[in-house]
Amino acid sequence: MPWPTEYQQAQVDFVRFMVAARDAAGLQTTNMAWNMVEGVLHVFRRRLKTSDAVCFANVLPPVLRALFLEGWCPKDPVPFLARPLMTAEVKALRPDHNFSPETAIDAVAKALWLCVDNERLTQVLEKLPSEAAHFWNPDAPPAYSED
């Protein structure tokens, strides 16, 4: 059996994702998008039970999956918050080198929907807490309290 295409194309798929995230955020380079993408993935991951995080990771392409899981020490999930508060968490990652705009979560969400199997992503999000689908909906109005 040949090695799977998703692994043969891992770098190409990741670059495609990073370009989509960069463009959706209005950033100049994929280097500028790096902290944003990492921050958004880790902010989301902190809000999931371990089993849910693994299910979500399984729909991501290999390099994005690795980034989602990188440095993870599973803990009890924290609650989903208002988008501005979660965006502040994204911006707190390496703040001296973080160019994340206020629309960082939306930008990464747009890139995600462009670069993953939408049917599989939808199926996984339906199994996660309802806030997870809202998190990855770039057109969703704010739905969480500011607390």
Protein backbone atom coordinates (compact mmCIF):
# COMPACT_ATOMS: atom_id res chain seq x y z
CA MET A 1 0.00 0.00 0.00
CA PRO A 2 1.39 3.46 -0.86
CA TRP A 3 1.69 6.00 1.88
CA PRO A 4 -1.47 8.15 2.13
CA THR A 5 -1.76 11.24 -0.03
CA GLU A 6 -2.50 13.44 2.99
CA TYR A 7 1.02 12.69 4.25
CA GLN A 8 2.62 13.02 0.83
CA GLN A 9 1.03 16.47 0.47
CA ALA A 10 1.30 17.60 4.07
CA GLN A 11 3.52 20.62 3.39
CA VAL A 12 1.50 21.77 0.38
CA ASP A 13 -1.75 21.52 2.34
CA PHE A 14 -0.29 23.37 5.32
CA VAL A 15 1.05 26.20 3.17
CA ARG A 16 -2.38 26.46 1.53
CA PHE A 17 -3.96 26.74 4.97
CA MET A 18 -1.46 29.34 6.18
CA VAL A 19 -1.98 31.46 3.05
CA ALA A 20 -5.75 31.26 3.52
CA ALA A 21 -5.41 32.29 7.19
CA ARG A 22 -3.00 35.10 6.31
CA ASP A 23 -5.34 36.43 3.62
CA ALA A 24 -8.47 36.14 5.77
CA ALA A 25 -6.73 38.10 8.53
CA GLY A 26 -5.36 40.74 6.16
CA LEU A 27 -1.79 40.01 7.22
CA GLN A 28 1.23 40.49 4.96
CA THR A 29 3.05 37.21 5.54
CA THR A 30 2.43 33.66 6.69
CA ASN A 31 5.09 34.31 9.35
CA MET A 32 2.79 36.98 10.76
CA ALA A 33 -0.10 34.48 10.68
CA TRP A 34 1.82 31.78 12.58
CA ASN A 35 1.10 32.98 16.15
CA MET A 36 -2.49 33.70 15.22
CA VAL A 37 -3.07 30.18 13.92
CA GLU A 38 -1.29 28.54 16.85
CA GLY A 39 -3.12 30.76 19.32
CA VAL A 40 -6.56 30.10 17.86
CA LEU A 41 -6.01 26.33 17.78
CA HIS A 42 -4.76 26.25 21.37
CA VAL A 43 -7.50 28.56 22.66
CA PHE A 44 -10.05 26.19 21.16
CA ARG A 45 -8.25 23.08 22.44
CA ARG A 46 -8.28 24.42 26.03
CA ARG A 47 -12.07 24.36 25.90
CA LEU A 48 -12.45 20.69 25.01
CA LYS A 49 -12.37 17.46 26.94
CA THR A 50 -9.45 15.28 25.88
CA SER A 51 -11.66 12.88 23.91
CA ASP A 52 -13.31 15.78 22.06
CA ALA A 53 -9.96 17.37 21.25
CA VAL A 54 -8.73 14.10 19.75
CA CYS A 55 -11.90 13.78 17.64
CA PHE A 56 -11.41 17.32 16.38
CA ALA A 57 -7.72 16.73 15.68
CA ASN A 58 -8.59 13.73 13.53
CA VAL A 59 -10.31 15.92 10.92
CA LEU A 60 -7.29 18.21 10.57
CA PRO A 61 -4.60 17.64 7.95
CA PRO A 62 -1.34 16.25 9.41
CA VAL A 63 0.68 19.43 10.03
CA LEU A 64 -2.31 21.36 11.35
CA ARG A 65 -3.14 18.36 13.56
CA ALA A 66 0.41 18.41 14.91
CA LEU A 67 0.17 22.13 15.65
CA PHE A 68 -3.20 21.64 17.38
CA LEU A 69 -1.69 18.95 19.64
CA GLU A 70 1.77 20.50 20.11
CA GLY A 71 2.78 21.07 23.73
CA TRP A 72 -0.52 19.76 25.05
CA CYS A 73 -0.84 18.68 28.66
CA PRO A 74 -4.55 17.74 28.93
CA LYS A 75 -6.40 19.47 31.74
CA ASP A 76 -10.02 20.08 32.62
CA PRO A 77 -11.57 22.27 29.93
CA VAL A 78 -12.20 25.93 30.55
CA PRO A 79 -15.48 27.54 29.45
CA PHE A 80 -16.01 29.20 26.11
CA LEU A 81 -16.11 32.98 26.50
CA ALA A 82 -17.12 35.97 24.42
CA ARG A 83 -15.10 36.13 21.21
CA PRO A 84 -13.23 39.30 22.28
CA LEU A 85 -12.02 37.56 25.45
CA MET A 86 -10.87 34.48 23.55
CA THR A 87 -9.22 36.75 20.97
CA ALA A 88 -7.31 38.37 23.82
CA GLU A 89 -6.04 34.88 24.73
CA VAL A 90 -4.91 34.40 21.12
CA LYS A 91 -3.06 37.73 21.22
CA ALA A 92 -1.38 36.79 24.51
CA LEU A 93 0.68 34.10 22.78
CA ARG A 94 4.14 35.65 22.29
CA PRO A 95 2.65 39.18 22.46
CA ASP A 96 5.81 40.88 21.22
CA HIS A 97 5.58 38.91 17.97
CA ASN A 98 1.83 38.52 17.64
CA PHE A 99 0.06 40.29 14.79
CA SER A 100 -3.37 38.73 15.38
CA PRO A 101 -6.20 41.09 14.44
CA GLU A 102 -9.47 41.34 16.37
CA THR A 103 -10.87 38.98 13.72
CA ALA A 104 -8.24 36.28 14.35
CA ILE A 105 -10.68 33.51 15.29
CA ASP A 106 -12.88 34.29 12.29
CA ALA A 107 -9.86 34.36 9.97
CA VAL A 108 -8.61 30.97 11.11
CA ALA A 109 -12.15 29.60 10.92
CA LYS A 110 -12.45 30.75 7.29
CA ALA A 111 -9.14 29.09 6.45
CA LEU A 112 -10.19 25.90 8.22
CA TRP A 113 -13.42 25.60 6.24
CA LEU A 114 -11.49 26.22 3.01
CA CYS A 115 -8.87 23.58 3.73
CA VAL A 116 -10.56 20.62 5.43
CA ASP A 117 -13.27 18.17 4.49
CA ASN A 118 -16.37 20.21 5.38
CA GLU A 119 -18.59 17.16 5.81
CA ARG A 120 -16.21 15.53 8.30
CA LEU A 121 -15.72 18.83 10.15
CA THR A 122 -19.48 19.34 10.41
CA GLN A 123 -19.96 15.80 11.72
CA VAL A 124 -17.32 16.28 14.41
CA LEU A 125 -18.61 19.69 15.45
CA GLU A 126 -22.11 18.21 15.87
CA LYS A 127 -20.65 15.81 18.47
CA LEU A 128 -18.81 18.52 20.42
CA PRO A 129 -20.33 21.08 22.80
CA SER A 130 -22.55 23.54 20.91
CA GLU A 131 -20.06 26.34 21.54
CA ALA A 132 -17.52 24.50 19.38
CA ALA A 133 -19.59 24.95 16.22
CA HIS A 134 -20.08 28.61 17.11
CA PHE A 135 -16.32 29.05 17.61
CA TRP A 136 -15.63 27.77 14.08
CA ASN A 137 -18.43 29.77 12.45
CA PRO A 138 -16.76 32.91 11.08
CA ASP A 139 -20.16 34.54 10.52
CA ALA A 140 -21.64 33.81 13.94
CA PRO A 141 -22.70 36.73 16.10
CA PRO A 142 -21.20 36.88 19.59
CA ALA A 143 -23.05 34.44 21.84
CA TYR A 144 -21.05 34.18 25.06
CA SER A 145 -21.14 36.38 28.09
CA GLU A 146 -18.25 38.73 28.82
CA ASP A 147 -17.72 37.02 32.21
